[in-house]
Protein backbone atom coordinates (compact mmCIF):
# COMPACT_ATOMS: atom_id res chain seq x y z
CA MET A 1 57.27 12.37 46.06
CA ASN A 2 58.38 9.26 47.95
CA GLN A 3 55.07 7.51 49.17
CA GLU A 4 57.05 5.69 51.85
CA SER A 5 57.92 8.94 53.85
CA LYS A 6 54.38 10.14 53.45
CA PRO A 7 52.31 9.63 56.75
CA ALA A 8 49.33 7.52 56.48
CA ALA A 9 46.13 9.34 56.23
CA MET A 10 43.81 9.49 59.31
CA THR A 11 40.81 6.91 59.15
CA GLU A 12 37.32 8.21 59.35
CA GLU A 13 36.94 6.29 62.80
CA ALA A 14 39.83 7.97 64.16
CA ARG A 15 38.27 11.40 62.87
CA LYS A 16 35.00 10.57 64.46
CA GLU A 17 36.59 9.87 67.75
CA ARG A 18 38.53 13.05 67.71
CA VAL A 19 35.03 14.90 67.33
CA ARG A 20 33.63 12.92 70.05
CA GLU A 21 36.37 13.77 72.39
CA VAL A 22 35.95 17.68 71.59
CA LEU A 23 32.26 17.43 72.18
CA ARG A 24 32.60 15.58 75.31
CA ALA A 25 35.16 18.03 76.93
CA ALA A 26 33.01 21.14 75.71
CA SER A 27 30.89 22.56 78.58
CA GLU A 28 28.47 23.99 76.06
CA PRO A 29 27.52 23.26 72.36
CA LEU A 30 29.97 24.38 69.81
CA GLY A 31 29.64 25.38 66.23
CA SER A 32 31.48 23.27 63.50
CA VAL A 33 34.31 25.77 63.08
CA GLN A 34 34.91 25.93 66.78
CA ILE A 35 35.17 22.14 66.84
CA ALA A 36 37.54 22.17 63.96
CA GLU A 37 39.85 24.71 65.74
CA ARG A 38 39.78 22.65 68.99
CA ILE A 39 40.79 19.58 66.96
CA GLY A 40 43.50 21.61 65.23
CA GLU A 41 44.69 18.89 62.80
CA ALA A 42 45.48 19.45 59.06
CA TRP A 43 42.39 17.60 57.91
CA CYS A 44 39.98 20.07 59.54
CA MET A 45 42.00 23.34 59.11
CA TRP A 46 42.15 25.70 56.21
CA ASN A 47 44.71 28.56 56.19
CA GLY A 48 45.21 28.55 60.04
CA SER A 49 41.30 28.63 60.68
CA GLY A 50 38.82 25.89 61.52
CA PHE A 51 37.24 24.30 58.36
CA GLY A 52 33.83 23.53 59.54
CA SER A 53 32.59 21.72 56.53
CA ALA A 54 35.29 18.97 57.24
CA VAL A 55 33.81 18.23 60.44
CA THR A 56 29.90 18.50 59.67
CA PRO A 57 29.58 14.97 58.11
CA LEU A 58 31.51 13.49 60.93
CA LEU A 59 29.12 15.29 63.66
CA ARG A 60 26.01 13.79 61.78
CA LYS A 61 27.72 10.27 61.82
CA VAL A 62 28.67 10.43 65.61
CA GLY A 63 24.97 11.35 66.38
CA ALA A 64 25.48 14.83 67.28
CA LYS A 65 22.48 17.17 67.71
CA LYS A 66 22.34 20.64 66.20
CA SER A 67 20.48 23.50 67.72
CA SER A 68 20.74 27.11 66.89
CA GLY A 69 23.89 26.44 64.88
CA LYS A 70 25.79 24.68 67.72
CA TRP A 71 26.49 20.96 67.95
CA ALA A 72 26.25 18.76 71.15
CA LEU A 73 26.41 14.94 71.62
CA LYS A 74 22.92 13.40 72.36
CA ALA A 75 22.55 11.82 75.68
CA ALA A 76 22.28 8.16 75.46
CA PRO A 77 18.66 7.13 75.83
CA ALA A 78 17.93 5.19 78.75
CA GLU A 79 16.25 1.80 78.22
CA VAL A 80 12.77 1.74 79.64
CA GLU A 81 12.08 -1.59 81.32
CA PRO A 82 8.56 -3.06 81.77
CA GLY A 83 6.58 -1.40 84.43
CA CYS A 84 8.59 1.75 84.47
CA LEU A 85 7.30 5.12 83.58
CA GLY A 86 8.54 5.94 80.13
CA GLU A 87 7.81 8.82 77.47
CA LEU A 88 4.36 7.22 76.84
CA GLY A 89 3.38 6.71 80.32
CA LEU A 90 3.29 3.68 82.41
CA THR A 91 4.41 0.67 80.62
CA PRO A 92 2.33 -2.49 81.42
CA PRO A 93 4.29 -5.03 83.23
CA GLY A 94 3.65 -7.70 80.44
CA VAL A 95 5.30 -5.50 77.63
CA MET A 96 8.97 -5.91 77.29
CA SER A 97 11.27 -3.55 75.47
CA HIS A 98 12.76 -4.49 72.12
CA ALA A 99 16.33 -4.31 73.36
CA ARG A 100 15.44 -6.59 76.41
CA TRP A 101 13.78 -9.03 74.12
CA GLU A 102 16.78 -9.14 71.78
CA ARG A 103 19.07 -9.77 75.03
CA LEU A 104 16.77 -12.84 75.96
CA LYS A 105 16.77 -14.19 72.45
CA ALA A 106 20.58 -14.05 72.22
CA GLU A 107 20.88 -15.80 75.62
CA MET A 108 18.37 -18.47 74.68
CA ALA A 109 20.32 -19.16 71.21
CA VAL A 110 23.47 -19.90 73.18
CA PRO A 111 23.72 -23.72 73.27
CA GLN A 112 23.67 -25.27 76.58
CA GLN A 113 26.27 -27.74 77.82
């Protein structure tokens, strides 16, 4: 077989993006076989049916959540700022979130002109 005429294999990042697109477009959680059938590409199909075991590792890598055999994307966690009501109750104003502290450290590390 001539390797030049063979199409390039799809990268893992491209496959993960296809899985994310299907999950974003779904109105309800889907099973892995349903996700594979909606993608409909050769890498996730077997004899015309969805091949769920091809997409399951990608679902875990994109951070999808499984409940009752169905997968859905997790909602992005909102960053809790100091003084806001969070999961653990009211955060004292003197306490800073880790993400905010990292942003401030990055800003301070930039050399000033």
